Amino acid sequence: MLKDNGSFIILVPAYRFSIQAMDKELNHYRPYTSRSLKRKIIAGNFTIRKSFYFNFLGIFAWWYGKIFRIKVPSSAEMKLFNKLVPLGKVLDKIVFKSAGLSIIVVAKKLGAKSE
């Protein structure tokens, strides 16, 4: 449905190890690595404009949820995580966006191939 040369942004869960009960509640069933997601996007006749991991701090929150088998975080847990967002932004810069709970890709649809 995207026009030739149109762009899209996608955010998907990263890493199979992070999938847990909370993900099922959020309808997250298929995690990706940066490499596997890029391969699928390129195979679909798109070019990658930008790709990076996002939310390094979230990995620790997800492990917390996995250890304590949390399906839905409490409001107190969400308030704490929201207070930690500035720290998360700094951590993403420190790890150069090379690891995170999610992957963000900006891609552009290539024009129709001429025959």
Protein backbone atom coordinates (compact mmCIF):
# COMPACT_ATOMS: atom_id res chain seq x y z
CA MET A 1 0.00 0.00 0.00
CA LEU A 2 3.01 2.27 0.37
CA LYS A 3 3.77 4.31 -2.76
CA ASP A 4 7.11 3.94 -4.53
CA ASN A 5 9.78 5.95 -2.71
CA GLY A 6 7.48 6.19 0.34
CA SER A 7 9.01 5.69 3.77
CA PHE A 8 7.89 3.87 6.89
CA ILE A 9 9.07 3.51 10.47
CA ILE A 10 8.72 0.25 12.35
CA LEU A 11 9.36 -0.57 16.01
CA VAL A 12 9.47 -4.26 16.93
CA PRO A 13 10.54 -6.33 19.94
CA ALA A 14 14.17 -7.44 19.97
CA TYR A 15 15.74 -10.64 21.24
CA ARG A 16 14.01 -13.96 21.73
CA PHE A 17 15.24 -14.19 25.34
CA SER A 18 13.09 -11.23 26.34
CA ILE A 19 9.74 -12.72 25.29
CA GLN A 20 7.60 -13.51 28.32
CA ALA A 21 4.00 -13.45 29.62
CA MET A 22 3.83 -9.64 29.47
CA ASP A 23 4.65 -9.73 25.74
CA LYS A 24 1.70 -12.02 25.06
CA GLU A 25 -0.55 -9.52 26.84
CA LEU A 26 0.83 -6.84 24.48
CA ASN A 27 0.44 -9.11 21.41
CA HIS A 28 4.22 -9.36 20.90
CA TYR A 29 4.92 -12.79 19.44
CA ARG A 30 7.88 -12.44 17.10
CA PRO A 31 11.09 -10.79 18.25
CA TYR A 32 13.81 -9.84 15.77
CA THR A 33 17.48 -9.07 15.69
CA SER A 34 18.62 -6.06 13.73
CA ARG A 35 20.04 -8.39 11.08
CA SER A 36 16.90 -10.55 10.70
CA LEU A 37 14.60 -7.52 10.46
CA LYS A 38 16.83 -5.80 7.89
CA ARG A 39 16.89 -8.96 5.75
CA LYS A 40 13.08 -9.11 5.70
CA ILE A 41 12.75 -5.41 4.87
CA ILE A 42 15.33 -5.57 2.06
CA ALA A 43 13.65 -8.72 0.64
CA GLY A 44 10.42 -6.70 0.48
CA ASN A 45 12.01 -4.22 -1.98
CA PHE A 46 12.90 -1.58 0.60
CA THR A 47 16.15 0.15 1.40
CA ILE A 48 17.19 0.78 4.99
CA ARG A 49 17.67 4.46 5.81
CA LYS A 50 18.30 4.06 9.53
CA SER A 51 18.29 1.19 12.00
CA PHE A 52 19.02 1.07 15.72
CA TYR A 53 18.15 -0.61 18.97
CA PHE A 54 16.09 1.37 21.46
CA ASN A 55 15.38 1.20 25.20
CA PHE A 56 18.44 -0.49 26.69
CA LEU A 57 17.08 0.15 30.19
CA GLY A 58 13.92 -1.75 29.24
CA ILE A 59 15.90 -4.99 29.04
CA PHE A 60 16.31 -4.86 32.82
CA ALA A 61 12.62 -4.09 33.33
CA TRP A 62 11.68 -7.05 31.13
CA TRP A 63 13.99 -9.37 33.12
CA TYR A 64 12.35 -8.09 36.30
CA GLY A 65 8.96 -8.95 34.80
CA LYS A 66 10.16 -12.36 33.73
CA ILE A 67 11.64 -13.23 37.13
CA PHE A 68 8.49 -12.16 38.97
CA ARG A 69 6.12 -13.44 36.25
CA ILE A 70 4.40 -10.11 35.81
CA LYS A 71 1.76 -9.99 33.10
CA VAL A 72 0.82 -6.34 33.55
CA PRO A 73 3.03 -3.87 35.46
CA SER A 74 1.44 -2.12 38.43
CA SER A 75 0.92 1.63 38.33
CA ALA A 76 3.76 2.01 40.87
CA GLU A 77 6.11 0.04 38.59
CA MET A 78 5.10 2.14 35.59
CA LYS A 79 5.62 5.38 37.56
CA LEU A 80 9.12 4.22 38.52
CA PHE A 81 9.96 3.28 34.96
CA ASN A 82 8.66 6.63 33.67
CA LYS A 83 10.91 8.42 36.19
CA LEU A 84 13.87 6.44 34.81
CA VAL A 85 13.25 7.48 31.18
CA PRO A 86 15.92 10.25 31.25
CA LEU A 87 18.45 7.68 32.48
CA GLY A 88 17.32 5.36 29.69
CA LYS A 89 18.03 8.03 27.08
CA VAL A 90 21.55 8.44 28.41
CA LEU A 91 22.11 4.67 28.48
CA ASP A 92 20.96 4.38 24.85
CA LYS A 93 23.64 6.91 23.89
CA ILE A 94 26.29 5.16 25.97
CA VAL A 95 25.68 1.79 24.27
CA PHE A 96 25.50 3.61 20.89
CA LYS A 97 22.02 2.17 20.32
CA SER A 98 23.61 -1.22 19.69
CA ALA A 99 21.40 -3.02 22.24
CA GLY A 100 17.88 -2.46 23.48
CA LEU A 101 14.48 -3.97 24.11
CA SER A 102 13.22 -2.85 20.69
CA ILE A 103 14.52 -2.20 17.20
CA ILE A 104 13.54 0.84 15.16
CA VAL A 105 14.01 0.84 11.40
CA VAL A 106 13.31 3.63 8.94
CA ALA A 107 13.00 2.24 5.41
CA LYS A 108 12.14 3.52 1.97
CA LYS A 109 10.24 1.59 -0.69
CA LEU A 110 12.20 1.26 -3.89
CA GLY A 111 10.56 2.26 -7.15
CA ALA A 112 9.13 -0.38 -9.49
CA LYS A 113 11.80 -2.35 -11.34
CA SER A 114 11.89 -1.71 -15.05
CA GLU A 115 12.12 -4.73 -17.34
